[in-house]
Amino acid sequence: MLSFIIPAHNEEYYLGATIQAVSTAAREVGVPFEVIVVNDASTDQTAAIAEANGVRLVHVQNRQIAATRNAGARAARGDVFFFVDADTLANPAVVRAALRALRYGAVGGGCVFSFDGAVPLWARTFYPVLVLVVRMLKLVGGCFLFCTREAFEGVGGFSERLLRG
């Protein structure tokens, strides 16, 4: 089973679309899945949107992304974890690619993202350079991370000392 873990703090504007995107992607890939929204001290309609979309809802008061992701992993039942930011739209192609990487021996990874909507010229110019540098350094952005449960537990989850905010 795949576990999509969505940490969320005041994400009422984006959360519904994110839940729909991961649910659609998982259905198209054709594997059992669950979606867990970890509501981290939201003061808006984040929790109500999660409930309206029929996902598992976990409430925390961390205000720290690492601790919030870890709380979602503790609640998860899957063997593969996808940590997806609440403003990120994951598609079937990226879910398939992540599962393929795991099948071929990876224990985790992430993806390069693209922007939707209008992007200023300076960002369109700088983004390809940034992607190249990040790939050379073997780093990934945090908006879509995946790993096996075994790898996650093996490293003790996300460091709650390093990832703040």
N, C-alpha and C. Protein backbone atom coordinates (compact mmCIF):
# COMPACT_ATOMS: atom_id res chain seq x y z
N MET A 1 0.84 -1.18 0.00
CA MET A 1 0.00 0.00 0.00
C MET A 1 0.89 1.24 0.00
N LEU A 2 0.43 2.28 -0.72
CA LEU A 2 1.11 3.57 -0.72
C LEU A 2 0.45 4.48 0.31
N SER A 3 1.26 5.23 1.03
CA SER A 3 0.74 6.22 1.96
C SER A 3 1.18 7.60 1.50
N PHE A 4 0.21 8.41 1.12
CA PHE A 4 0.48 9.80 0.77
C PHE A 4 0.28 10.63 2.02
N ILE A 5 1.33 11.26 2.48
CA ILE A 5 1.32 12.02 3.73
C ILE A 5 1.46 13.49 3.37
N ILE A 6 0.45 14.26 3.73
CA ILE A 6 0.40 15.68 3.37
C ILE A 6 0.43 16.51 4.65
N PRO A 7 1.59 17.10 4.97
CA PRO A 7 1.64 18.02 6.12
C PRO A 7 0.96 19.33 5.73
N ALA A 8 0.16 19.88 6.61
CA ALA A 8 -0.60 21.08 6.24
C ALA A 8 -0.76 22.03 7.41
N HIS A 9 -0.42 23.27 7.17
CA HIS A 9 -0.68 24.36 8.12
C HIS A 9 -1.32 25.50 7.32
N ASN A 10 -2.59 25.76 7.59
CA ASN A 10 -3.33 26.83 6.91
C ASN A 10 -3.21 26.72 5.39
N GLU A 11 -3.62 25.58 4.87
CA GLU A 11 -3.52 25.30 3.43
C GLU A 11 -4.88 25.19 2.75
N GLU A 12 -5.88 25.91 3.25
CA GLU A 12 -7.23 25.77 2.70
C GLU A 12 -7.32 26.09 1.21
N TYR A 13 -6.46 26.92 0.69
CA TYR A 13 -6.55 27.29 -0.73
C TYR A 13 -6.02 26.21 -1.66
N TYR A 14 -5.15 25.36 -1.20
CA TYR A 14 -4.48 24.39 -2.06
C TYR A 14 -4.82 22.94 -1.75
N LEU A 15 -5.19 22.65 -0.52
CA LEU A 15 -5.29 21.28 -0.04
C LEU A 15 -6.25 20.41 -0.85
N GLY A 16 -7.41 20.90 -1.19
CA GLY A 16 -8.38 20.10 -1.94
C GLY A 16 -7.81 19.61 -3.26
N ALA A 17 -7.15 20.49 -3.98
CA ALA A 17 -6.56 20.11 -5.27
C ALA A 17 -5.43 19.11 -5.08
N THR A 18 -4.66 19.26 -4.01
CA THR A 18 -3.56 18.33 -3.74
C THR A 18 -4.10 16.93 -3.42
N ILE A 19 -5.12 16.86 -2.59
CA ILE A 19 -5.74 15.57 -2.26
C ILE A 19 -6.28 14.91 -3.53
N GLN A 20 -6.98 15.69 -4.35
CA GLN A 20 -7.54 15.13 -5.59
C GLN A 20 -6.44 14.66 -6.53
N ALA A 21 -5.33 15.40 -6.61
CA ALA A 21 -4.24 15.02 -7.50
C ALA A 21 -3.59 13.71 -7.07
N VAL A 22 -3.28 13.55 -5.79
CA VAL A 22 -2.62 12.30 -5.37
C VAL A 22 -3.59 11.13 -5.46
N SER A 23 -4.86 11.37 -5.17
CA SER A 23 -5.85 10.29 -5.27
C SER A 23 -6.01 9.84 -6.71
N THR A 24 -6.10 10.78 -7.62
CA THR A 24 -6.21 10.46 -9.05
C THR A 24 -4.97 9.72 -9.53
N ALA A 25 -3.80 10.22 -9.14
CA ALA A 25 -2.54 9.57 -9.55
C ALA A 25 -2.48 8.14 -9.07
N ALA A 26 -2.82 7.91 -7.81
CA ALA A 26 -2.75 6.55 -7.25
C ALA A 26 -3.77 5.63 -7.93
N ARG A 27 -4.97 6.14 -8.17
CA ARG A 27 -5.98 5.32 -8.87
C ARG A 27 -5.50 4.96 -10.27
N GLU A 28 -4.91 5.91 -10.98
CA GLU A 28 -4.43 5.63 -12.34
C GLU A 28 -3.26 4.65 -12.34
N VAL A 29 -2.43 4.69 -11.30
CA VAL A 29 -1.32 3.75 -11.20
C VAL A 29 -1.85 2.36 -10.84
N GLY A 30 -2.99 2.32 -10.15
CA GLY A 30 -3.66 1.06 -9.89
C GLY A 30 -3.14 0.30 -8.68
N VAL A 31 -2.73 1.02 -7.65
CA VAL A 31 -2.25 0.37 -6.44
C VAL A 31 -3.07 0.85 -5.24
N PRO A 32 -3.20 0.00 -4.22
CA PRO A 32 -3.91 0.45 -3.02
C PRO A 32 -3.17 1.63 -2.39
N PHE A 33 -3.95 2.56 -1.85
CA PHE A 33 -3.33 3.75 -1.26
C PHE A 33 -4.21 4.32 -0.16
N GLU A 34 -3.59 5.17 0.62
CA GLU A 34 -4.29 5.96 1.61
C GLU A 34 -3.72 7.38 1.54
N VAL A 35 -4.54 8.34 1.94
CA VAL A 35 -4.11 9.73 2.01
C VAL A 35 -4.29 10.18 3.44
N ILE A 36 -3.21 10.72 4.00
CA ILE A 36 -3.22 11.21 5.37
C ILE A 36 -2.87 12.69 5.35
N VAL A 37 -3.74 13.52 5.88
CA VAL A 37 -3.43 14.93 6.04
C VAL A 37 -3.07 15.14 7.51
N VAL A 38 -1.89 15.72 7.73
CA VAL A 38 -1.45 16.02 9.09
C VAL A 38 -1.65 17.52 9.29
N ASN A 39 -2.73 17.84 9.97
CA ASN A 39 -3.12 19.23 10.21
C ASN A 39 -2.31 19.78 11.37
N ASP A 40 -1.40 20.68 11.05
CA ASP A 40 -0.47 21.21 12.06
C ASP A 40 -0.92 22.60 12.51
N ALA A 41 -1.79 22.63 13.50
CA ALA A 41 -2.20 23.86 14.18
C ALA A 41 -2.84 24.87 13.23
N SER A 42 -3.57 24.40 12.24
CA SER A 42 -4.22 25.32 11.31
C SER A 42 -5.33 26.11 11.99
N THR A 43 -5.49 27.34 11.56
CA THR A 43 -6.56 28.20 12.08
C THR A 43 -7.58 28.52 10.99
N ASP A 44 -7.43 27.90 9.83
CA ASP A 44 -8.37 28.11 8.73
C ASP A 44 -9.20 26.84 8.52
N GLN A 45 -9.66 26.60 7.32
CA GLN A 45 -10.53 25.46 7.02
C GLN A 45 -9.77 24.21 6.56
N THR A 46 -8.49 24.14 6.83
CA THR A 46 -7.69 22.99 6.39
C THR A 46 -8.29 21.67 6.85
N ALA A 47 -8.61 21.53 8.12
CA ALA A 47 -9.15 20.28 8.65
C ALA A 47 -10.50 19.94 8.01
N ALA A 48 -11.35 20.93 7.84
CA ALA A 48 -12.67 20.69 7.24
C ALA A 48 -12.53 20.23 5.79
N ILE A 49 -11.57 20.78 5.06
CA ILE A 49 -11.36 20.37 3.67
C ILE A 49 -10.85 18.93 3.62
N ALA A 50 -9.95 18.58 4.51
CA ALA A 50 -9.47 17.20 4.57
C ALA A 50 -10.63 16.24 4.86
N GLU A 51 -11.44 16.58 5.85
CA GLU A 51 -12.59 15.74 6.19
C GLU A 51 -13.56 15.62 5.03
N ALA A 52 -13.82 16.72 4.33
CA ALA A 52 -14.76 16.71 3.20
C ALA A 52 -14.24 15.84 2.06
N ASN A 53 -12.94 15.65 1.99
CA ASN A 53 -12.35 14.81 0.94
C ASN A 53 -12.18 13.37 1.39
N GLY A 54 -12.60 13.04 2.59
CA GLY A 54 -12.62 11.65 3.04
C GLY A 54 -11.27 11.03 3.32
N VAL A 55 -10.28 11.83 3.67
CA VAL A 55 -8.95 11.29 3.96
C VAL A 55 -8.78 11.13 5.46
N ARG A 56 -7.75 10.41 5.86
CA ARG A 56 -7.43 10.30 7.29
C ARG A 56 -6.85 11.63 7.73
N LEU A 57 -7.26 12.07 8.89
CA LEU A 57 -6.82 13.36 9.41
C LEU A 57 -6.15 13.15 10.75
N VAL A 58 -4.94 13.66 10.85
CA VAL A 58 -4.16 13.59 12.09
C VAL A 58 -3.93 15.04 12.53
N HIS A 59 -4.19 15.33 13.79
CA HIS A 59 -3.98 16.69 14.30
C HIS A 59 -2.71 16.73 15.15
N VAL A 60 -1.87 17.72 14.89
CA VAL A 60 -0.67 17.94 15.69
C VAL A 60 -0.53 19.44 15.95
N GLN A 61 0.32 19.76 16.89
CA GLN A 61 0.62 21.16 17.23
C GLN A 61 2.13 21.35 17.21
N ASN A 62 2.77 20.97 16.12
CA ASN A 62 4.23 20.99 16.04
C ASN A 62 4.80 22.30 15.55
N ARG A 63 4.21 22.82 14.47
CA ARG A 63 4.76 23.97 13.75
C ARG A 63 6.21 23.71 13.36
N GLN A 64 6.44 22.48 12.93
CA GLN A 64 7.75 22.07 12.43
C GLN A 64 7.51 20.97 11.40
N ILE A 65 7.95 21.21 10.17
CA ILE A 65 7.63 20.31 9.06
C ILE A 65 8.16 18.90 9.29
N ALA A 66 9.34 18.76 9.85
CA ALA A 66 9.90 17.43 10.07
C ALA A 66 9.05 16.64 11.06
N ALA A 67 8.71 17.26 12.16
CA ALA A 67 7.89 16.58 13.17
C ALA A 67 6.50 16.26 12.62
N THR A 68 5.98 17.13 11.79
CA THR A 68 4.66 16.90 11.21
C THR A 68 4.70 15.75 10.22
N ARG A 69 5.72 15.70 9.38
CA ARG A 69 5.88 14.56 8.48
C ARG A 69 6.05 13.26 9.26
N ASN A 70 6.84 13.29 10.31
CA ASN A 70 7.05 12.09 11.14
C ASN A 70 5.74 11.62 11.76
N ALA A 71 4.90 12.54 12.20
CA ALA A 71 3.60 12.17 12.77
C ALA A 71 2.75 11.46 11.72
N GLY A 72 2.79 11.94 10.49
CA GLY A 72 2.05 11.28 9.41
C GLY A 72 2.57 9.89 9.14
N ALA A 73 3.87 9.73 9.16
CA ALA A 73 4.47 8.41 8.93
C ALA A 73 4.08 7.43 10.04
N ARG A 74 4.03 7.92 11.27
CA ARG A 74 3.61 7.03 12.37
C ARG A 74 2.17 6.55 12.19
N ALA A 75 1.34 7.37 11.59
CA ALA A 75 -0.07 7.00 11.38
C ALA A 75 -0.26 6.16 10.12
N ALA A 76 0.73 6.14 9.25
CA ALA A 76 0.60 5.47 7.95
C ALA A 76 0.61 3.96 8.06
N ARG A 77 -0.10 3.32 7.13
CA ARG A 77 -0.16 1.86 7.07
C ARG A 77 0.60 1.29 5.89
N GLY A 78 1.07 2.14 4.99
CA GLY A 78 1.69 1.68 3.76
C GLY A 78 3.13 1.23 3.93
N ASP A 79 3.62 0.59 2.88
CA ASP A 79 5.02 0.16 2.81
C ASP A 79 5.88 1.20 2.09
N VAL A 80 5.23 2.11 1.36
CA VAL A 80 5.90 3.19 0.65
C VAL A 80 5.25 4.49 1.07
N PHE A 81 6.11 5.46 1.41
CA PHE A 81 5.63 6.77 1.85
C PHE A 81 5.89 7.80 0.76
N PHE A 82 4.89 8.62 0.47
CA PHE A 82 5.02 9.80 -0.36
C PHE A 82 4.71 11.00 0.51
N PHE A 83 5.68 11.86 0.72
CA PHE A 83 5.47 13.10 1.47
C PHE A 83 5.25 14.20 0.46
N VAL A 84 4.02 14.72 0.41
CA VAL A 84 3.64 15.68 -0.62
C VAL A 84 3.17 16.96 0.07
N ASP A 85 3.83 18.08 -0.25
CA ASP A 85 3.40 19.35 0.32
C ASP A 85 1.98 19.66 -0.11
N ALA A 86 1.27 20.39 0.73
CA ALA A 86 -0.15 20.66 0.51
C ALA A 86 -0.43 21.58 -0.68
N ASP A 87 0.61 22.15 -1.27
CA ASP A 87 0.42 22.99 -2.46
C ASP A 87 1.06 22.35 -3.70
N THR A 88 1.23 21.03 -3.68
CA THR A 88 1.91 20.32 -4.76
C THR A 88 0.93 19.37 -5.44
N LEU A 89 0.92 19.40 -6.76
CA LEU A 89 0.03 18.54 -7.53
C LEU A 89 0.85 17.42 -8.16
N ALA A 90 0.83 16.26 -7.55
CA ALA A 90 1.56 15.10 -8.06
C ALA A 90 0.71 14.43 -9.13
N ASN A 91 1.35 14.00 -10.21
CA ASN A 91 0.61 13.35 -11.29
C ASN A 91 0.99 11.87 -11.38
N PRO A 92 0.24 11.10 -12.17
CA PRO A 92 0.53 9.67 -12.28
C PRO A 92 1.94 9.37 -12.76
N ALA A 93 2.47 10.20 -13.67
CA ALA A 93 3.82 9.94 -14.19
C ALA A 93 4.86 9.99 -13.09
N VAL A 94 4.76 10.94 -12.19
CA VAL A 94 5.77 11.05 -11.13
C VAL A 94 5.61 9.93 -10.10
N VAL A 95 4.39 9.50 -9.84
CA VAL A 95 4.18 8.38 -8.92
C VAL A 95 4.73 7.10 -9.54
N ARG A 96 4.45 6.88 -10.83
CA ARG A 96 5.02 5.70 -11.52
C ARG A 96 6.55 5.73 -11.50
N ALA A 97 7.13 6.89 -11.77
CA ALA A 97 8.59 7.00 -11.79
C ALA A 97 9.18 6.71 -10.42
N ALA A 98 8.54 7.19 -9.37
CA ALA A 98 9.03 6.91 -8.01
C ALA A 98 8.95 5.42 -7.70
N LEU A 99 7.84 4.80 -8.05
CA LEU A 99 7.70 3.36 -7.80
C LEU A 99 8.70 2.55 -8.63
N ARG A 100 8.97 3.00 -9.85
CA ARG A 100 9.97 2.33 -10.68
C ARG A 100 11.36 2.45 -10.04
N ALA A 101 11.69 3.63 -9.54
CA ALA A 101 12.99 3.81 -8.87
C ALA A 101 13.11 2.88 -7.67
N LEU A 102 12.05 2.75 -6.89
CA LEU A 102 12.08 1.85 -5.73
C LEU A 102 12.23 0.40 -6.18
N ARG A 103 11.52 0.03 -7.25
CA ARG A 103 11.61 -1.34 -7.77
C ARG A 103 13.03 -1.67 -8.22
N TYR A 104 13.75 -0.68 -8.70
CA TYR A 104 15.11 -0.90 -9.19
C TYR A 104 16.18 -0.64 -8.13
N GLY A 105 15.77 -0.55 -6.86
CA GLY A 105 16.75 -0.52 -5.80
C GLY A 105 16.90 0.76 -5.01
N ALA A 106 16.28 1.84 -5.46
CA ALA A 106 16.34 3.07 -4.66
C ALA A 106 15.57 2.86 -3.36
N VAL A 107 15.96 3.55 -2.33
CA VAL A 107 15.22 3.48 -1.07
C VAL A 107 14.44 4.76 -0.83
N GLY A 108 14.67 5.77 -1.67
CA GLY A 108 13.95 7.03 -1.55
C GLY A 108 14.42 8.01 -2.59
N GLY A 109 13.76 9.14 -2.63
CA GLY A 109 14.12 10.18 -3.58
C GLY A 109 13.10 11.29 -3.59
N GLY A 110 13.18 12.09 -4.63
CA GLY A 110 12.27 13.22 -4.80
C GLY A 110 12.15 13.53 -6.27
N CYS A 111 11.61 14.67 -6.59
CA CYS A 111 11.43 15.00 -8.00
C CYS A 111 11.75 16.46 -8.24
N VAL A 112 11.96 16.77 -9.49
CA VAL A 112 12.09 18.16 -9.92
C VAL A 112 10.67 18.65 -10.16
N PHE A 113 10.37 19.83 -9.71
CA PHE A 113 9.02 20.36 -9.86
C PHE A 113 8.97 21.36 -11.00
N SER A 114 7.77 21.66 -11.43
CA SER A 114 7.56 22.72 -12.40
C SER A 114 6.48 23.64 -11.85
N PHE A 115 6.48 24.85 -12.33
CA PHE A 115 5.51 25.85 -11.87
C PHE A 115 4.30 25.83 -12.78
N ASP A 116 3.14 26.09 -12.20
CA ASP A 116 1.98 26.32 -13.04
C ASP A 116 1.70 27.82 -13.03
N GLY A 117 1.04 28.29 -14.04
CA GLY A 117 0.76 29.71 -14.13
C GLY A 117 1.94 30.50 -14.66
N ALA A 118 1.80 31.80 -14.64
CA ALA A 118 2.83 32.70 -15.17
C ALA A 118 4.05 32.73 -14.24
N VAL A 119 5.23 32.68 -14.85
CA VAL A 119 6.48 32.73 -14.11
C VAL A 119 7.30 33.88 -14.71
N PRO A 120 7.87 34.75 -13.87
CA PRO A 120 8.65 35.86 -14.40
C PRO A 120 9.86 35.38 -15.21
N LEU A 121 10.31 36.21 -16.13
CA LEU A 121 11.43 35.87 -17.00
C LEU A 121 12.66 35.47 -16.21
N TRP A 122 12.99 36.21 -15.14
CA TRP A 122 14.18 35.89 -14.36
C TRP A 122 14.09 34.48 -13.78
N ALA A 123 12.88 34.06 -13.36
CA ALA A 123 12.71 32.71 -12.79
C ALA A 123 12.81 31.65 -13.89
N ARG A 124 12.24 31.92 -15.06
CA ARG A 124 12.34 30.96 -16.18
C ARG A 124 13.79 30.78 -16.60
N THR A 125 14.57 31.83 -16.47
CA THR A 125 15.99 31.78 -16.83
C THR A 125 16.81 31.06 -15.76
N PHE A 126 16.54 31.36 -14.51
CA PHE A 126 17.32 30.82 -13.39
C PHE A 126 16.97 29.37 -13.08
N TYR A 127 15.72 28.98 -13.26
CA TYR A 127 15.25 27.65 -12.86
C TYR A 127 16.04 26.51 -13.50
N PRO A 128 16.28 26.49 -14.83
CA PRO A 128 17.05 25.38 -15.40
C PRO A 128 18.47 25.26 -14.82
N VAL A 129 19.08 26.39 -14.53
CA VAL A 129 20.42 26.37 -13.93
C VAL A 129 20.34 25.76 -12.53
N LEU A 130 19.35 26.17 -11.78
CA LEU A 130 19.17 25.63 -10.43
C LEU A 130 18.92 24.12 -10.47
N VAL A 131 18.10 23.66 -11.40
CA VAL A 131 17.83 22.22 -11.53
C VAL A 131 19.13 21.47 -11.80
N LEU A 132 19.95 21.98 -12.70
CA LEU A 132 21.22 21.33 -13.02
C LEU A 132 22.13 21.25 -11.80
N VAL A 133 22.25 22.34 -11.06
CA VAL A 133 23.10 22.37 -9.86
C VAL A 133 22.58 21.39 -8.81
N VAL A 134 21.28 21.39 -8.60
CA VAL A 134 20.68 20.50 -7.59
C VAL A 134 20.91 19.04 -7.97
N ARG A 135 20.75 18.70 -9.24
CA ARG A 135 20.98 17.32 -9.68
C ARG A 135 22.44 16.92 -9.53
N MET A 136 23.35 17.84 -9.84
CA MET A 136 24.78 17.54 -9.68
C MET A 136 25.13 17.29 -8.21
N LEU A 137 24.46 18.00 -7.32
CA LEU A 137 24.70 17.84 -5.89
C LEU A 137 23.89 16.69 -5.29
N LYS A 138 23.05 16.07 -6.13
CA LYS A 138 22.18 14.96 -5.70
C LYS A 138 21.26 15.37 -4.56
N LEU A 139 20.65 16.54 -4.73
CA LEU A 139 19.67 17.06 -3.78
C LEU A 139 18.31 17.09 -4.44
N VAL A 140 17.26 17.15 -3.64
CA VAL A 140 15.91 17.30 -4.17
C VAL A 140 15.17 18.32 -3.31
N GLY A 141 14.17 18.92 -3.90
CA GLY A 141 13.30 19.80 -3.14
C GLY A 141 12.40 18.98 -2.23
N GLY A 142 11.83 19.60 -1.27
CA GLY A 142 11.03 18.87 -0.28
C GLY A 142 9.56 18.75 -0.59
N CYS A 143 9.10 19.23 -1.75
CA CYS A 143 7.67 19.25 -2.00
C CYS A 143 7.10 17.87 -2.36
N PHE A 144 7.95 16.93 -2.81
CA PHE A 144 7.51 15.58 -3.16
C PHE A 144 8.67 14.64 -2.89
N LEU A 145 8.62 13.98 -1.76
CA LEU A 145 9.65 13.04 -1.36
C LEU A 145 9.03 11.66 -1.22
N PHE A 146 9.79 10.63 -1.52
CA PHE A 146 9.26 9.27 -1.38
C PHE A 146 10.34 8.37 -0.80
N CYS A 147 9.90 7.33 -0.10
CA CYS A 147 10.83 6.34 0.45
C CYS A 147 10.06 5.11 0.88
N THR A 148 10.81 4.05 1.12
CA THR A 148 10.20 2.86 1.69
C THR A 148 10.03 3.07 3.20
N ARG A 149 9.09 2.38 3.76
CA ARG A 149 8.91 2.43 5.21
C ARG A 149 10.19 1.97 5.91
N GLU A 150 10.78 0.92 5.36
CA GLU A 150 12.00 0.36 5.95
C GLU A 150 13.12 1.41 6.00
N ALA A 151 13.31 2.15 4.92
CA ALA A 151 14.35 3.18 4.89
C ALA A 151 14.01 4.30 5.87
N PHE A 152 12.75 4.71 5.90
CA PHE A 152 12.31 5.77 6.80
C PHE A 152 12.60 5.39 8.25
N GLU A 153 12.19 4.19 8.61
CA GLU A 153 12.41 3.74 9.98
C GLU A 153 13.89 3.52 10.26
N GLY A 154 14.64 3.08 9.24
CA GLY A 154 16.07 2.84 9.41
C GLY A 154 16.87 4.09 9.77
N VAL A 155 16.44 5.23 9.24
CA VAL A 155 17.15 6.48 9.56
C VAL A 155 16.47 7.26 10.68
N GLY A 156 15.37 6.73 11.20
CA GLY A 156 14.67 7.40 12.30
C GLY A 156 13.79 8.56 11.86
N GLY A 157 13.38 8.55 10.60
CA GLY A 157 12.50 9.61 10.11
C GLY A 157 13.25 10.88 9.79
N PHE A 158 12.50 11.97 9.66
CA PHE A 158 13.10 13.27 9.39
C PHE A 158 13.71 13.81 10.67
N SER A 159 14.87 14.40 10.55
CA SER A 159 15.51 14.99 11.72
C SER A 159 14.70 16.19 12.19
N GLU A 160 14.28 16.14 13.40
CA GLU A 160 13.50 17.25 13.97
C GLU A 160 14.41 18.34 14.52
N ARG A 161 15.71 18.13 14.45
CA ARG A 161 16.66 19.18 14.84
C ARG A 161 17.02 20.07 13.67
N LEU A 162 16.99 19.51 12.45
CA LEU A 162 17.50 20.25 11.29
C LEU A 162 16.42 20.96 10.47
N LEU A 163 15.28 20.34 10.31
CA LEU A 163 14.23 20.90 9.44
C LEU A 163 13.22 21.67 10.26
N ARG A 164 13.33 22.95 10.25
CA ARG A 164 12.42 23.81 11.01
C ARG A 164 11.51 24.59 10.08
N GLY A 165 10.38 25.00 10.62
CA GLY A 165 9.52 25.94 9.92
C GLY A 165 8.52 25.37 8.98
